């Protein structure tokens, strides 16, 4: 199932030429489609949690926040897939995916894909 979902994700994004989607170096700067590209990014550690249909999920908020970032020029985000350890630690992302060494809560791949494609 995981492989099928990954192939489906590639098919969804596969309409553009591979070379058109990647930044390249031209002299001393990045370009995409021969136009200057400026990397402006941020950590969006809770993006996958917001994309979830489970605990902590809020897809409407996710879309609002992604729209806000795009409107403010942010064109790259880094998303945390999940955290580990017990819940209730103030400095940690919740819900955790791995509460202990043997218990792993698997997020829905479609929830993560929703976050990445929104």
Protein backbone atom coordinates (compact mmCIF):
# COMPACT_ATOMS: atom_id res chain seq x y z
CA UNK A 1 0.00 0.00 0.00
CA UNK A 2 2.83 2.39 0.87
CA UNK A 3 4.48 1.86 -2.52
CA UNK A 4 1.17 2.38 -4.33
CA UNK A 5 0.58 5.64 -2.43
CA UNK A 6 4.07 6.88 -3.27
CA UNK A 7 3.58 6.05 -6.96
CA UNK A 8 0.21 7.83 -6.89
CA UNK A 9 1.87 10.90 -5.36
CA UNK A 10 4.48 10.89 -8.11
CA UNK A 11 1.76 10.60 -10.75
CA UNK A 12 -0.11 13.57 -9.28
CA UNK A 13 3.00 15.75 -9.37
CA UNK A 14 4.42 14.19 -12.55
CA UNK A 15 2.78 16.53 -15.05
CA UNK A 16 5.70 18.98 -15.09
CA UNK A 17 9.08 18.04 -16.53
CA UNK A 18 11.43 16.81 -13.84
CA UNK A 19 13.97 19.51 -14.64
CA UNK A 20 11.33 22.25 -14.29
CA UNK A 21 10.71 21.46 -10.62
CA UNK A 22 14.25 21.74 -9.30
CA UNK A 23 16.40 24.74 -8.53
CA UNK A 24 19.75 24.85 -10.31
CA UNK A 25 22.83 26.99 -9.86
CA UNK A 26 23.52 29.65 -12.45
CA UNK A 27 26.70 31.55 -11.73
CA UNK A 28 26.24 32.39 -8.02
CA UNK A 29 22.45 32.12 -7.61
CA UNK A 30 19.59 29.65 -7.88
CA UNK A 31 17.24 29.50 -10.88
CA UNK A 32 14.03 27.62 -11.63
CA UNK A 33 12.97 27.66 -15.27
CA UNK A 34 15.82 30.12 -15.92
CA UNK A 35 14.29 32.67 -13.50
CA UNK A 36 16.01 33.72 -10.24
CA UNK A 37 14.84 31.64 -7.30
CA UNK A 38 15.11 32.88 -3.73
CA UNK A 39 14.97 30.24 -1.00
CA UNK A 40 12.80 31.56 1.83
CA UNK A 41 11.87 28.85 4.30
CA UNK A 42 10.67 28.08 7.77
CA UNK A 43 10.15 25.18 10.15
CA UNK A 44 6.53 24.08 10.10
CA UNK A 45 7.02 21.31 12.62
CA UNK A 46 3.32 20.80 13.36
CA UNK A 47 2.18 20.72 9.70
CA UNK A 48 1.78 16.94 9.57
CA UNK A 49 -0.23 17.02 12.82
CA UNK A 50 -2.59 19.63 11.37
CA UNK A 51 -2.95 17.53 8.21
CA UNK A 52 -4.11 14.54 10.22
CA UNK A 53 -7.71 13.41 10.49
CA UNK A 54 -6.80 12.13 13.97
CA UNK A 55 -5.72 13.75 17.22
CA UNK A 56 -4.51 17.33 16.70
CA UNK A 57 -5.75 17.49 13.11
CA UNK A 58 -7.19 20.74 11.75
CA UNK A 59 -7.02 20.80 7.97
CA UNK A 60 -8.78 24.16 7.67
CA UNK A 61 -6.11 25.74 9.90
CA UNK A 62 -3.39 23.95 7.88
CA UNK A 63 -4.66 25.49 4.65
CA UNK A 64 -4.95 28.95 6.26
CA UNK A 65 -1.39 28.77 7.58
CA UNK A 66 0.04 27.52 4.28
CA UNK A 67 -1.82 30.30 2.42
CA UNK A 68 -0.44 32.86 4.91
CA UNK A 69 3.12 31.62 4.44
CA UNK A 70 2.79 31.65 0.65
CA UNK A 71 1.33 35.18 0.70
CA UNK A 72 4.35 36.28 2.75
CA UNK A 73 6.90 34.83 0.34
CA UNK A 74 7.74 31.58 2.11
CA UNK A 75 8.37 29.01 -0.61
CA UNK A 76 9.96 26.17 1.39
CA UNK A 77 8.88 24.46 4.60
CA UNK A 78 10.38 21.73 6.76
CA UNK A 79 7.78 19.45 8.31
CA UNK A 80 8.33 17.15 11.30
CA UNK A 81 6.83 13.73 10.61
CA UNK A 82 6.49 12.84 14.27
CA UNK A 83 7.99 12.93 17.74
CA UNK A 84 8.70 10.30 20.35
CA UNK A 85 8.33 9.89 24.09
CA UNK A 86 5.51 10.34 26.56
CA UNK A 87 2.80 12.93 26.04
CA UNK A 88 2.60 15.83 28.49
CA UNK A 89 6.14 17.19 28.08
CA UNK A 90 5.70 20.96 27.52
CA UNK A 91 8.59 21.29 25.03
CA UNK A 92 7.50 18.42 22.76
CA UNK A 93 5.24 18.04 19.72
CA UNK A 94 2.06 16.07 20.41
CA UNK A 95 0.57 13.68 19.64
CA UNK A 96 3.67 11.49 19.66
CA UNK A 97 4.15 8.72 17.12
CA UNK A 98 6.33 6.57 19.36
CA UNK A 99 5.36 6.61 23.04
CA UNK A 100 7.95 3.95 23.99
CA UNK A 101 10.42 1.54 22.39
CA UNK A 102 7.79 -0.97 21.26
CA UNK A 103 4.67 1.11 20.58
CA UNK A 104 4.59 3.08 17.33
CA UNK A 105 1.47 4.92 16.23
CA UNK A 106 1.47 5.03 12.43
CA UNK A 107 -0.01 8.19 10.91
CA UNK A 108 -2.09 7.87 7.81
CA UNK A 109 0.03 8.34 4.72
CA UNK A 110 -2.87 10.20 3.13
CA UNK A 111 -2.76 12.71 6.03
CA UNK A 112 0.92 13.41 5.39
CA UNK A 113 0.33 13.65 1.63
CA UNK A 114 -2.50 16.13 2.31
CA UNK A 115 -0.07 18.35 4.22
CA UNK A 116 2.60 18.12 1.52
CA UNK A 117 0.26 18.82 -1.40
CA UNK A 118 -1.84 21.56 0.21
